[in-house]
PDB file of N, CA and C in Angstrom:
ATOM      1  N   MET A   1     213.502-112.645 -34.378  1.00  0.00           N
ATOM      2  CA  MET A   1     213.293-111.817 -33.222  1.00  0.00           C
ATOM      3  C   MET A   1     212.799-110.425 -33.634  1.00  0.00           C
ATOM      4  N   ALA A   2     213.408-109.830 -34.681  1.00  0.00           N
ATOM      5  CA  ALA A   2     213.043-108.473 -35.081  1.00  0.00           C
ATOM      6  C   ALA A   2     211.600-108.391 -35.557  1.00  0.00           C
ATOM      7  N   SER A   3     211.104-109.450 -36.212  1.00  0.00           N
ATOM      8  CA  SER A   3     209.704-109.414 -36.641  1.00  0.00           C
ATOM      9  C   SER A   3     208.772-109.517 -35.432  1.00  0.00           C
ATOM     10  N   ARG A   4     209.177-110.234 -34.393  1.00  0.00           N
ATOM     11  CA  ARG A   4     208.361-110.330 -33.180  1.00  0.00           C
ATOM     12  C   ARG A   4     208.281-108.966 -32.500  1.00  0.00           C
ATOM     13  N   TRP A   5     209.380-108.220 -32.494  1.00  0.00           N
ATOM     14  CA  TRP A   5     209.355-106.887 -31.895  1.00  0.00           C
ATOM     15  C   TRP A   5     208.335-106.006 -32.610  1.00  0.00           C
ATOM     16  N   ALA A   6     208.287-106.108 -33.925  1.00  0.00           N
ATOM     17  CA  ALA A   6     207.333-105.301 -34.686  1.00  0.00           C
ATOM     18  C   ALA A   6     205.900-105.730 -34.406  1.00  0.00           C
ATOM     19  N   VAL A   7     205.658-107.027 -34.383  1.00  0.00           N
ATOM     20  CA  VAL A   7     204.305-107.546 -34.157  1.00  0.00           C
ATOM     21  C   VAL A   7     203.797-107.191 -32.765  1.00  0.00           C
ATOM     22  N   THR A   8     204.675-107.286 -31.772  1.00  0.00           N
ATOM     23  CA  THR A   8     204.256-106.986 -30.397  1.00  0.00           C
ATOM     24  C   THR A   8     204.348-105.502 -30.069  1.00  0.00           C
ATOM     25  N   GLY A   9     204.956-104.717 -30.953  1.00  0.00           N
ATOM     26  CA  GLY A   9     205.024-103.276 -30.753  1.00  0.00           C
ATOM     27  C   GLY A   9     205.978-102.830 -29.675  1.00  0.00           C
ATOM     28  N   GLN A  10     207.102-103.531 -29.521  1.00  0.00           N
ATOM     29  CA  GLN A  10     208.092-103.138 -28.509  1.00  0.00           C
ATOM     30  C   GLN A  10     208.724-101.811 -28.912  1.00  0.00           C
ATOM     31  N   ARG A  11     208.300-100.743 -28.249  1.00  0.00           N
ATOM     32  CA  ARG A  11     208.744 -99.398 -28.617  1.00  0.00           C
ATOM     33  C   ARG A  11     210.253 -99.211 -28.485  1.00  0.00           C
ATOM     34  N   ASP A  12     210.868 -99.839 -27.504  1.00  0.00           N
ATOM     35  CA  ASP A  12     212.310 -99.664 -27.316  1.00  0.00           C
ATOM     36  C   ASP A  12     213.113-100.351 -28.425  1.00  0.00           C
ATOM     37  N   ARG A  13     212.473-101.178 -29.262  1.00  0.00           N
ATOM     38  CA  ARG A  13     213.160-101.858 -30.365  1.00  0.00           C
ATOM     39  C   ARG A  13     212.635-101.393 -31.727  1.00  0.00           C
ATOM     40  N   ALA A  14     211.946-100.255 -31.763  1.00  0.00           N
ATOM     41  CA  ALA A  14     211.327 -99.777 -33.006  1.00  0.00           C
ATOM     42  C   ALA A  14     212.337 -99.646 -34.146  1.00  0.00           C
ATOM     43  N   ALA A  15     213.555 -99.248 -33.840  1.00  0.00           N
ATOM     44  CA  ALA A  15     214.576 -99.103 -34.884  1.00  0.00           C
ATOM     45  C   ALA A  15     214.976-100.448 -35.474  1.00  0.00           C
ATOM     46  N   ASP A  16     214.670-101.529 -34.786  1.00  0.00           N
ATOM     47  CA  ASP A  16     215.053-102.870 -35.234  1.00  0.00           C
ATOM     48  C   ASP A  16     213.907-103.643 -35.883  1.00  0.00           C
ATOM     49  N   TYR A  17     212.733-103.021 -36.039  1.00  0.00           N
ATOM     50  CA  TYR A  17     211.579-103.731 -36.608  1.00  0.00           C
ATOM     51  C   TYR A  17     211.895-104.271 -37.998  1.00  0.00           C
ATOM     52  N   GLN A  18     211.429-105.467 -38.275  1.00  0.00           N
ATOM     53  CA  GLN A  18     211.480-106.056 -39.610  1.00  0.00           C
ATOM     54  C   GLN A  18     210.115-106.650 -39.898  1.00  0.00           C
ATOM     55  N   ILE A  19     209.590-106.349 -41.049  1.00  0.00           N
ATOM     56  CA  ILE A  19     208.320-106.926 -41.478  1.00  0.00           C
ATOM     57  C   ILE A  19     208.617-107.787 -42.697  1.00  0.00           C
ATOM     58  N   TRP A  20     208.315-109.076 -42.609  1.00  0.00           N
ATOM     59  CA  TRP A  20     208.577-109.998 -43.709  1.00  0.00           C
ATOM     60  C   TRP A  20     207.441-109.918 -44.717  1.00  0.00           C
ATOM     61  N   CYS A  21     207.800-109.706 -45.962  1.00  0.00           N
ATOM     62  CA  CYS A  21     206.767-109.595 -46.994  1.00  0.00           C
ATOM     63  C   CYS A  21     207.072-110.460 -48.212  1.00  0.00           C
ATOM     64  N   GLY A  22     208.207-111.098 -48.252  1.00  0.00           N
ATOM     65  CA  GLY A  22     208.537-111.946 -49.390  1.00  0.00           C
ATOM     66  C   GLY A  22     208.858-111.125 -50.626  1.00  0.00           C
ATOM     67  N   PRO A  23     208.862-111.755 -51.798  1.00  0.00           N
ATOM     68  CA  PRO A  23     209.262-111.067 -53.022  1.00  0.00           C
ATOM     69  C   PRO A  23     208.212-110.096 -53.561  1.00  0.00           C
ATOM     70  N   ALA A  24     206.991-110.140 -53.040  1.00  0.00           N
ATOM     71  CA  ALA A  24     205.934-109.281 -53.578  1.00  0.00           C
ATOM     72  C   ALA A  24     206.272-107.801 -53.437  1.00  0.00           C
ATOM     73  N   MET A  25     206.847-107.400 -52.321  1.00  0.00           N
ATOM     74  CA  MET A  25     207.174-105.992 -52.115  1.00  0.00           C
ATOM     75  C   MET A  25     208.223-105.526 -53.118  1.00  0.00           C
ATOM     76  N   GLY A  26     209.219-106.358 -53.356  1.00  0.00           N
ATOM     77  CA  GLY A  26     210.239-106.006 -54.345  1.00  0.00           C
ATOM     78  C   GLY A  26     209.657-105.908 -55.740  1.00  0.00           C
ATOM     79  N   SER A  27     208.752-106.807 -56.083  1.00  0.00           N
ATOM     80  CA  SER A  27     208.091-106.764 -57.391  1.00  0.00           C
ATOM     81  C   SER A  27     207.249-105.504 -57.521  1.00  0.00           C
ATOM     82  N   PHE A  28     206.536-105.160 -56.460  1.00  0.00           N
ATOM     83  CA  PHE A  28     205.729-103.943 -56.489  1.00  0.00           C
ATOM     84  C   PHE A  28     206.618-102.717 -56.677  1.00  0.00           C
ATOM     85  N   ASN A  29     207.709-102.645 -55.926  1.00  0.00           N
ATOM     86  CA  ASN A  29     208.617-101.500 -56.048  1.00  0.00           C
ATOM     87  C   ASN A  29     209.216-101.408 -57.445  1.00  0.00           C
ATOM     88  N   ALA A  30     209.521-102.546 -58.069  1.00  0.00           N
ATOM     89  CA  ALA A  30     210.034-102.533 -59.443  1.00  0.00           C
ATOM     90  C   ALA A  30     208.950-102.044 -60.402  1.00  0.00           C
ATOM     91  N   TRP A  31     207.707-102.452 -60.165  1.00  0.00           N
ATOM     92  CA  TRP A  31     206.593-102.070 -61.029  1.00  0.00           C
ATOM     93  C   TRP A  31     206.331-100.565 -60.981  1.00  0.00           C
ATOM     94  N   VAL A  32     206.396 -99.957 -59.797  1.00  0.00           N
ATOM     95  CA  VAL A  32     206.105 -98.528 -59.673  1.00  0.00           C
ATOM     96  C   VAL A  32     207.333 -97.652 -59.924  1.00  0.00           C
ATOM     97  N   SER A  33     208.495 -98.262 -60.072  1.00  0.00           N
ATOM     98  CA  SER A  33     209.722 -97.498 -60.314  1.00  0.00           C
ATOM     99  C   SER A  33     209.568 -96.639 -61.568  1.00  0.00           C
ATOM    100  N   GLY A  34     209.877 -95.363 -61.430  1.00  0.00           N
ATOM    101  CA  GLY A  34     209.773 -94.448 -62.557  1.00  0.00           C
ATOM    102  C   GLY A  34     208.382 -93.859 -62.740  1.00  0.00           C
ATOM    103  N   SER A  35     207.422 -94.274 -61.919  1.00  0.00           N
ATOM    104  CA  SER A  35     206.073 -93.718 -62.009  1.00  0.00           C
ATOM    105  C   SER A  35     205.836 -92.791 -60.817  1.00  0.00           C
ATOM    106  N   TYR A  36     204.697 -92.134 -60.819  1.00  0.00           N
ATOM    107  CA  TYR A  36     204.389 -91.242 -59.700  1.00  0.00           C
ATOM    108  C   TYR A  36     204.218 -92.013 -58.391  1.00  0.00           C
ATOM    109  N   LEU A  37     203.972 -93.324 -58.470  1.00  0.00           N
ATOM    110  CA  LEU A  37     203.837 -94.143 -57.264  1.00  0.00           C
ATOM    111  C   LEU A  37     205.183 -94.567 -56.686  1.00  0.00           C
ATOM    112  N   ASN A  38     206.265 -94.183 -57.339  1.00  0.00           N
ATOM    113  CA  ASN A  38     207.593 -94.531 -56.844  1.00  0.00           C
ATOM    114  C   ASN A  38     207.817 -93.969 -55.438  1.00  0.00           C
ATOM    115  N   THR A  39     207.293 -92.783 -55.183  1.00  0.00           N
ATOM    116  CA  THR A  39     207.422 -92.147 -53.875  1.00  0.00           C
ATOM    117  C   THR A  39     206.291 -92.629 -52.972  1.00  0.00           C
ATOM    118  N   PRO A  40     206.612 -93.269 -51.849  1.00  0.00           N
ATOM    119  CA  PRO A  40     205.552 -93.793 -50.970  1.00  0.00           C
ATOM    120  C   PRO A  40     204.518 -92.751 -50.542  1.00  0.00           C
ATOM    121  N   GLU A  41     204.905 -91.492 -50.447  1.00  0.00           N
ATOM    122  CA  GLU A  41     203.964 -90.446 -50.047  1.00  0.00           C
ATOM    123  C   GLU A  41     202.847 -90.270 -51.073  1.00  0.00           C
ATOM    124  N   ASN A  42     203.075 -90.696 -52.317  1.00  0.00           N
ATOM    125  CA  ASN A  42     202.069 -90.565 -53.373  1.00  0.00           C
ATOM    126  C   ASN A  42     201.108 -91.748 -53.412  1.00  0.00           C
ATOM    127  N   ARG A  43     201.302 -92.732 -52.561  1.00  0.00           N
ATOM    128  CA  ARG A  43     200.497 -93.958 -52.603  1.00  0.00           C
ATOM    129  C   ARG A  43     199.346 -93.898 -51.606  1.00  0.00           C
ATOM    130  N   THR A  44     198.173 -94.237 -52.081  1.00  0.00           N
ATOM    131  CA  THR A  44     197.035 -94.474 -51.196  1.00  0.00           C
ATOM    132  C   THR A  44     196.547 -95.885 -51.487  1.00  0.00           C
ATOM    133  N   VAL A  45     195.898 -96.485 -50.529  1.00  0.00           N
ATOM    134  CA  VAL A  45     195.399 -97.846 -50.716  1.00  0.00           C
ATOM    135  C   VAL A  45     194.456 -97.897 -51.914  1.00  0.00           C
ATOM    136  N   ALA A  46     193.541 -96.926 -51.996  1.00  0.00           N
ATOM    137  CA  ALA A  46     192.563 -96.923 -53.085  1.00  0.00           C
ATOM    138  C   ALA A  46     193.245 -96.761 -54.441  1.00  0.00           C
ATOM    139  N   ASP A  47     194.223 -95.888 -54.528  1.00  0.00           N
ATOM    140  CA  ASP A  47     194.913 -95.650 -55.797  1.00  0.00           C
ATOM    141  C   ASP A  47     195.712 -96.877 -56.231  1.00  0.00           C
ATOM    142  N   VAL A  48     196.434 -97.483 -55.307  1.00  0.00           N
ATOM    143  CA  VAL A  48     197.208 -98.687 -55.635  1.00  0.00           C
ATOM    144  C   VAL A  48     196.259 -99.812 -56.044  1.00  0.00           C
ATOM    145  N   ALA A  49     195.168 -99.996 -55.309  1.00  0.00           N
ATOM    146  CA  ALA A  49     194.196-101.046 -55.648  1.00  0.00           C
ATOM    147  C   ALA A  49     193.598-100.803 -57.026  1.00  0.00           C
ATOM    148  N   ARG A  50     193.292 -99.552 -57.329  1.00  0.00           N
ATOM    149  CA  ARG A  50     192.737 -99.199 -58.639  1.00  0.00           C
ATOM    150  C   ARG A  50     193.711 -99.581 -59.750  1.00  0.00           C
ATOM    151  N   HIS A  51     194.987 -99.284 -59.550  1.00  0.00           N
ATOM    152  CA  HIS A  51     195.979 -99.624 -60.574  1.00  0.00           C
ATOM    153  C   HIS A  51     196.198-101.129 -60.685  1.00  0.00           C
ATOM    154  N   LEU A  52     196.151-101.839 -59.566  1.00  0.00           N
ATOM    155  CA  LEU A  52     196.284-103.296 -59.631  1.00  0.00           C
ATOM    156  C   LEU A  52     195.138-103.906 -60.429  1.00  0.00           C
ATOM    157  N   MET A  53     193.914-103.445 -60.183  1.00  0.00           N
ATOM    158  CA  MET A  53     192.756-103.966 -60.910  1.00  0.00           C
ATOM    159  C   MET A  53     192.793-103.554 -62.383  1.00  0.00           C
ATOM    160  N   ARG A  54     193.148-102.321 -62.636  1.00  0.00           N
ATOM    161  CA  ARG A  54     193.251-101.833 -64.014  1.00  0.00           C
ATOM    162  C   ARG A  54     194.337-102.583 -64.772  1.00  0.00           C
ATOM    163  N   GLY A  55     195.467-102.803 -64.108  1.00  0.00           N
ATOM    164  CA  GLY A  55     196.557-103.550 -64.732  1.00  0.00           C
ATOM    165  C   GLY A  55     196.173-104.990 -65.017  1.00  0.00           C
ATOM    166  N   ALA A  56     195.428-105.605 -64.096  1.00  0.00           N
ATOM    167  CA  ALA A  56     194.968-106.983 -64.316  1.00  0.00           C
ATOM    168  C   ALA A  56     194.019-107.043 -65.506  1.00  0.00           C
ATOM    169  N   ALA A  57     193.105-106.078 -65.603  1.00  0.00           N
ATOM    170  CA  ALA A  57     192.184-106.030 -66.747  1.00  0.00           C
ATOM    171  C   ALA A  57     192.958-105.797 -68.043  1.00  0.00           C
ATOM    172  N   PHE A  58     193.938-104.924 -67.998  1.00  0.00           N
ATOM    173  CA  PHE A  58     194.770-104.628 -69.167  1.00  0.00           C
ATOM    174  C   PHE A  58     195.465-105.897 -69.662  1.00  0.00           C
ATOM    175  N   HIS A  59     196.098-106.627 -68.739  1.00  0.00           N
ATOM    176  CA  HIS A  59     196.824-107.837 -69.135  1.00  0.00           C
ATOM    177  C   HIS A  59     195.878-108.945 -69.585  1.00  0.00           C
ATOM    178  N   THR A  60     194.670-108.985 -69.034  1.00  0.00           N
ATOM    179  CA  THR A  60     193.673-109.949 -69.506  1.00  0.00           C
ATOM    180  C   THR A  60     193.301-109.645 -70.953  1.00  0.00           C
ATOM    181  N   ARG A  61     193.115-108.380 -71.274  1.00  0.00           N
ATOM    182  CA  ARG A  61     192.784-107.995 -72.651  1.00  0.00           C
ATOM    183  C   ARG A  61     193.933-108.297 -73.604  1.00  0.00           C
ATOM    184  N   ILE A  62     195.147-108.047 -73.168  1.00  0.00           N
ATOM    185  CA  ILE A  62     196.317-108.371 -74.002  1.00  0.00           C
ATOM    186  C   ILE A  62     196.345-109.871 -74.283  1.00  0.00           C
ATOM    187  N   ALA A  63     196.082-110.685 -73.262  1.00  0.00           N
ATOM    188  CA  ALA A  63     196.069-112.148 -73.432  1.00  0.00           C
ATOM    189  C   ALA A  63     194.946-112.577 -74.372  1.00  0.00           C
ATOM    190  N   GLN A  64     193.784-111.935 -74.276  1.00  0.00           N
ATOM    191  CA  GLN A  64     192.674-112.264 -75.169  1.00  0.00           C
ATOM    192  C   GLN A  64     193.032-111.945 -76.618  1.00  0.00           C
ATOM    193  N   LEU A  65     193.659-110.812 -76.835  1.00  0.00           N
ATOM    194  CA  LEU A  65     194.086-110.452 -78.190  1.00  0.00           C
ATOM    195  C   LEU A  65     195.104-111.447 -78.722  1.00  0.00           C
ATOM    196  N   ALA A  66     196.039-111.847 -77.879  1.00  0.00           N
ATOM    197  CA  ALA A  66     197.047-112.830 -78.302  1.00  0.00           C
ATOM    198  C   ALA A  66     196.385-114.158 -78.654  1.00  0.00           C
ATOM    199  N   THR A  67     195.386-114.559 -77.873  1.00  0.00           N
ATOM    200  CA  THR A  67     194.659-115.799 -78.148  1.00  0.00           C
ATOM    201  C   THR A  67     193.926-115.710 -79.484  1.00  0.00           C
ATOM    202  N   ALA A  68     193.458-114.516 -79.819  1.00  0.00           N
ATOM    203  CA  ALA A  68     192.755-114.302 -81.085  1.00  0.00           C
ATOM    204  C   ALA A  68     193.715-114.160 -82.262  1.00  0.00           C
ATOM    205  N   GLY A  69     195.011-114.222 -81.989  1.00  0.00           N
ATOM    206  CA  GLY A  69     195.998-114.154 -83.055  1.00  0.00           C
ATOM    207  C   GLY A  69     196.516-112.764 -83.368  1.00  0.00           C
ATOM    208  N   VAL A  70     196.141-111.791 -82.561  1.00  0.00           N
ATOM    209  CA  VAL A  70     196.613-110.422 -82.770  1.00  0.00           C
ATOM    210  C   VAL A  70     198.021-110.297 -82.213  1.00  0.00           C
ATOM    211  N   THR A  71     198.923-109.794 -83.028  1.00  0.00           N
ATOM    212  CA  THR A  71     200.297-109.575 -82.592  1.00  0.00           C
ATOM    213  C   THR A  71     200.476-108.096 -82.268  1.00  0.00           C
ATOM    214  N   LEU A  72     200.868-107.826 -81.056  1.00  0.00           N
ATOM    215  CA  LEU A  72     201.095-106.451 -80.618  1.00  0.00           C
ATOM    216  C   LEU A  72     202.571-106.244 -80.326  1.00  0.00           C
ATOM    217  N   PRO A  73     203.071-105.032 -80.567  1.00  0.00           N
ATOM    218  CA  PRO A  73     204.456-104.762 -80.174  1.00  0.00           C
ATOM    219  C   PRO A  73     204.588-104.843 -78.653  1.00  0.00           C
ATOM    220  N   THR A  74     205.709-105.331 -78.195  1.00  0.00           N
ATOM    221  CA  THR A  74     205.908-105.480 -76.748  1.00  0.00           C
ATOM    222  C   THR A  74     205.815-104.143 -76.016  1.00  0.00           C
ATOM    223  N   SER A  75     206.077-103.050 -76.717  1.00  0.00           N
ATOM    224  CA  SER A  75     206.043-101.736 -76.070  1.00  0.00           C
ATOM    225  C   SER A  75     204.643-101.341 -75.607  1.00  0.00           C
ATOM    226  N   VAL A  76     203.597-101.938 -76.166  1.00  0.00           N
ATOM    227  CA  VAL A  76     202.235-101.586 -75.752  1.00  0.00           C
ATOM    228  C   VAL A  76     201.634-102.621 -74.804  1.00  0.00           C
ATOM    229  N   ALA A  77     202.382-103.649 -74.478  1.00  0.00           N
ATOM    230  CA  ALA A  77     201.847-104.734 -73.658  1.00  0.00           C
ATOM    231  C   ALA A  77     202.235-104.631 -72.189  1.00  0.00           C
ATOM    232  N   ASP A  78     202.672-103.465 -71.752  1.00  0.00           N
ATOM    233  CA  ASP A  78     203.111-103.294 -70.368  1.00  0.00           C
ATOM    234  C   ASP A  78     202.303-102.181 -69.716  1.00  0.00           C
ATOM    235  N   TYR A  79     201.550-102.502 -68.683  1.00  0.00           N
ATOM    236  CA  TYR A  79     200.758-101.495 -67.970  1.00  0.00           C
ATOM    237  C   TYR A  79     201.642-100.760 -66.979  1.00  0.00           C
ATOM    238  N   ARG A  80     201.654 -99.451 -67.081  1.00  0.00           N
ATOM    239  CA  ARG A  80     202.412 -98.608 -66.157  1.00  0.00           C
ATOM    240  C   ARG A  80     201.440 -97.668 -65.464  1.00  0.00           C
ATOM    241  N   PRO A  81     201.516 -97.547 -64.148  1.00  0.00           N
ATOM    242  CA  PRO A  81     200.587 -96.659 -63.445  1.00  0.00           C
ATOM    243  C   PRO A  81     200.850 -95.190 -63.761  1.00  0.00           C
ATOM    244  N   VAL A  82     199.799 -94.505 -64.146  1.00  0.00           N
ATOM    245  CA  VAL A  82     199.841 -93.053 -64.347  1.00  0.00           C
ATOM    246  C   VAL A  82     198.688 -92.468 -63.538  1.00  0.00           C
ATOM    247  N   PRO A  83     198.816 -91.229 -63.081  1.00  0.00           N
ATOM    248  CA  PRO A  83     197.722 -90.646 -62.292  1.00  0.00           C
ATOM    249  C   PRO A  83     196.420 -90.657 -63.096  1.00  0.00           C
ATOM    250  N   LEU A  84     195.348 -91.046 -62.449  1.00  0.00           N
ATOM    251  CA  LEU A  84     194.043 -91.065 -63.097  1.00  0.00           C
ATOM    252  C   LEU A  84     193.280 -89.818 -62.688  1.00  0.00           C
ATOM    253  N   GLU A  85     192.745 -89.134 -63.669  1.00  0.00           N
ATOM    254  CA  GLU A  85     191.970 -87.928 -63.397  1.00  0.00           C
ATOM    255  C   GLU A  85     190.632 -88.315 -62.773  1.00  0.00           C
ATOM    256  N   PRO A  86     190.118 -87.505 -61.854  1.00  0.00           N
ATOM    257  CA  PRO A  86     188.817 -87.814 -61.245  1.00  0.00           C
ATOM    258  C   PRO A  86     187.712 -88.007 -62.283  1.00  0.00           C
ATOM    259  N   ALA A  87     187.724 -87.224 -63.378  1.00  0.00           N
ATOM    260  CA  ALA A  87     186.704 -87.376 -64.419  1.00  0.00           C
ATOM    261  C   ALA A  87     186.810 -88.752 -65.073  1.00  0.00           C
ATOM    262  N   ALA A  88     188.038 -89.220 -65.293  1.00  0.00           N
ATOM    263  CA  ALA A  88     188.233 -90.539 -65.895  1.00  0.00           C
ATOM    264  C   ALA A  88     187.735 -91.629 -64.958  1.00  0.00           C
ATOM    265  N   LEU A  89     187.903 -91.445 -63.673  1.00  0.00           N
ATOM    266  CA  LEU A  89     187.426 -92.428 -62.701  1.00  0.00           C
ATOM    267  C   LEU A  89     185.904 -92.474 -62.687  1.00  0.00           C
ATOM    268  N   THR A  90     185.267 -91.308 -62.762  1.00  0.00           N
ATOM    269  CA  THR A  90     183.811 -91.252 -62.788  1.00  0.00           C
ATOM    270  C   THR A  90     183.283 -91.922 -64.044  1.00  0.00           C
ATOM    271  N   GLU A  91     183.901 -91.638 -65.179  1.00  0.00           N
ATOM    272  CA  GLU A  91     183.490 -92.231 -66.451  1.00  0.00           C
ATOM    273  C   GLU A  91     183.679 -93.743 -66.427  1.00  0.00           C
ATOM    274  N   ALA A  92     184.766 -94.216 -65.846  1.00  0.00           N
ATOM    275  CA  ALA A  92     185.044 -95.655 -65.790  1.00  0.00           C
ATOM    276  C   ALA A  92     184.036 -96.377 -64.905  1.00  0.00           C
ATOM    277  N   ALA A  93     183.464 -95.689 -63.940  1.00  0.00           N
ATOM    278  CA  ALA A  93     182.512 -96.318 -63.026  1.00  0.00           C
ATOM    279  C   ALA A  93     181.135 -96.505 -63.651  1.00  0.00           C
ATOM    280  N   ARG A  94     180.876 -95.834 -64.771  1.00  0.00           N
ATOM    281  CA  ARG A  94     179.546 -95.946 -65.413  1.00  0.00           C
ATOM    282  C   ARG A  94     179.362 -97.256 -66.098  1.00  0.00           C
TER     283      ARG A  94
END
């Protein structure tokens, strides 16, 4: 019932809204915990998307190195979101 109130926008039940998102939201919150994205006010769609894509590329490279037989310490195999400078974004787009 609470998710229906949210979907239909029943204003008198706004305090009772529930949005079902499954385990993905909890995983995302665990991933950004301790980073500047921990605070929802610091999140923008573009910034989160950029980090998701960057993190996916990072983990793909780690997997490629592992396939090639390169052993890396576990401490360097975890992508953590850090603020990206505008200059770094411009350079990455080239």
